[in-house]
Amino acid sequence: MGKGYGRALLQAVVDKLAGMGCRDILLWVLAENERAKRFYEKNGFAESGAYLDDNIGGKALKEVQYVRHVE
């Protein structure tokens, strides 16, 4: 179990962006990174349905877009 630093940092970023008038936060996660996907889902993000096929250093990667609406 973590110490909550990641969640605290993410919430600080969300709060800052909301204060700047952002209403939707988008981010990309590697499709195979289940731990990161669970983290973002637990923190209010959901898959948007958008995917990106990328190639970094000769390795094919699939990315999943996540979105969180903020007020």
C-alpha atoms as a PDB file:
ATOM      1  CA  MET A   1       0.000   0.000   0.000  1.00  0.00           C
ATOM      2  CA  GLY A   2       1.287   3.431  -0.915  1.00  0.00           C
ATOM      3  CA  LYS A   3       1.540   6.495   1.264  1.00  0.00           C
ATOM      4  CA  GLY A   4      -0.844   8.628  -0.769  1.00  0.00           C
ATOM      5  CA  TYR A   5       1.791  10.890  -2.315  1.00  0.00           C
ATOM      6  CA  GLY A   6       0.651  10.163  -5.870  1.00  0.00           C
ATOM      7  CA  ARG A   7      -2.971  10.854  -5.031  1.00  0.00           C
ATOM      8  CA  ALA A   8      -2.048  14.080  -3.215  1.00  0.00           C
ATOM      9  CA  LEU A   9       0.077  15.251  -6.147  1.00  0.00           C
ATOM     10  CA  LEU A  10      -2.646  14.413  -8.658  1.00  0.00           C
ATOM     11  CA  GLN A  11      -5.260  16.249  -6.575  1.00  0.00           C
ATOM     12  CA  ALA A  12      -2.991  19.308  -6.363  1.00  0.00           C
ATOM     13  CA  VAL A  13      -2.703  19.318 -10.168  1.00  0.00           C
ATOM     14  CA  VAL A  14      -6.472  18.880 -10.576  1.00  0.00           C
ATOM     15  CA  ASP A  15      -7.113  21.750  -8.145  1.00  0.00           C
ATOM     16  CA  LYS A  16      -4.616  24.000  -9.942  1.00  0.00           C
ATOM     17  CA  LEU A  17      -6.107  23.268 -13.368  1.00  0.00           C
ATOM     18  CA  ALA A  18      -9.642  23.812 -12.057  1.00  0.00           C
ATOM     19  CA  GLY A  19      -8.505  27.150 -10.631  1.00  0.00           C
ATOM     20  CA  MET A  20      -7.188  28.094 -14.067  1.00  0.00           C
ATOM     21  CA  GLY A  21     -10.604  27.440 -15.593  1.00  0.00           C
ATOM     22  CA  CYS A  22      -9.982  23.976 -17.049  1.00  0.00           C
ATOM     23  CA  ARG A  23     -13.129  21.881 -17.130  1.00  0.00           C
ATOM     24  CA  ASP A  24     -11.777  18.636 -18.569  1.00  0.00           C
ATOM     25  CA  ILE A  25      -8.413  17.038 -17.891  1.00  0.00           C
ATOM     26  CA  LEU A  26      -7.104  14.576 -20.477  1.00  0.00           C
ATOM     27  CA  LEU A  27      -4.196  12.199 -20.062  1.00  0.00           C
ATOM     28  CA  TRP A  28      -2.767   9.173 -21.824  1.00  0.00           C
ATOM     29  CA  VAL A  29      -1.853   5.845 -20.217  1.00  0.00           C
ATOM     30  CA  LEU A  30      -0.158   2.846 -21.770  1.00  0.00           C
ATOM     31  CA  ALA A  31      -2.880   0.265 -22.376  1.00  0.00           C
ATOM     32  CA  GLU A  32      -0.826  -2.439 -20.665  1.00  0.00           C
ATOM     33  CA  ASN A  33      -0.254  -0.367 -17.501  1.00  0.00           C
ATOM     34  CA  GLU A  34      -3.090  -1.768 -15.389  1.00  0.00           C
ATOM     35  CA  ARG A  35      -1.754  -0.268 -12.160  1.00  0.00           C
ATOM     36  CA  ALA A  36      -1.788   3.265 -13.570  1.00  0.00           C
ATOM     37  CA  LYS A  37      -5.234   2.750 -15.072  1.00  0.00           C
ATOM     38  CA  ARG A  38      -6.623   1.629 -11.692  1.00  0.00           C
ATOM     39  CA  PHE A  39      -4.969   4.640 -10.016  1.00  0.00           C
ATOM     40  CA  TYR A  40      -6.574   7.131 -12.380  1.00  0.00           C
ATOM     41  CA  GLU A  41      -9.951   5.390 -12.220  1.00  0.00           C
ATOM     42  CA  LYS A  42      -9.879   5.524  -8.403  1.00  0.00           C
ATOM     43  CA  ASN A  43      -9.187   9.247  -8.708  1.00  0.00           C
ATOM     44  CA  GLY A  44     -12.140  10.173 -10.874  1.00  0.00           C
ATOM     45  CA  PHE A  45     -10.816   9.553 -14.382  1.00  0.00           C
ATOM     46  CA  ALA A  46     -12.578   7.383 -16.947  1.00  0.00           C
ATOM     47  CA  GLU A  47     -11.603   6.010 -20.342  1.00  0.00           C
ATOM     48  CA  SER A  48     -12.753   8.394 -23.051  1.00  0.00           C
ATOM     49  CA  GLY A  49     -12.818   5.738 -25.765  1.00  0.00           C
ATOM     50  CA  ALA A  50      -9.905   7.329 -27.651  1.00  0.00           C
ATOM     51  CA  TYR A  51      -6.821   5.246 -28.399  1.00  0.00           C
ATOM     52  CA  LEU A  52      -3.443   6.085 -29.855  1.00  0.00           C
ATOM     53  CA  ASP A  53      -0.998   3.745 -31.535  1.00  0.00           C
ATOM     54  CA  ASP A  54       2.515   5.050 -31.058  1.00  0.00           C
ATOM     55  CA  ASN A  55       6.044   3.919 -31.799  1.00  0.00           C
ATOM     56  CA  ILE A  56       8.807   4.877 -29.399  1.00  0.00           C
ATOM     57  CA  GLY A  57      12.318   3.580 -29.890  1.00  0.00           C
ATOM     58  CA  GLY A  58      11.078   1.027 -32.392  1.00  0.00           C
ATOM     59  CA  LYS A  59       8.530  -0.417 -29.958  1.00  0.00           C
ATOM     60  CA  ALA A  60       4.838  -0.286 -30.860  1.00  0.00           C
ATOM     61  CA  LEU A  61       2.758   1.059 -27.994  1.00  0.00           C
ATOM     62  CA  LYS A  62      -0.974   1.445 -27.520  1.00  0.00           C
ATOM     63  CA  GLU A  63      -2.181   4.300 -25.354  1.00  0.00           C
ATOM     64  CA  VAL A  64      -5.598   4.864 -23.798  1.00  0.00           C
ATOM     65  CA  GLN A  65      -6.993   8.334 -23.168  1.00  0.00           C
ATOM     66  CA  TYR A  66      -8.539   9.122 -19.794  1.00  0.00           C
ATOM     67  CA  VAL A  67     -10.664  12.150 -18.956  1.00  0.00           C
ATOM     68  CA  ARG A  68     -11.885  13.782 -15.759  1.00  0.00           C
ATOM     69  CA  HIS A  69     -14.420  16.565 -15.620  1.00  0.00           C
ATOM     70  CA  VAL A  70     -13.687  19.208 -12.976  1.00  0.00           C
ATOM     71  CA  GLU A  71     -15.775  22.078 -11.696  1.00  0.00           C
END
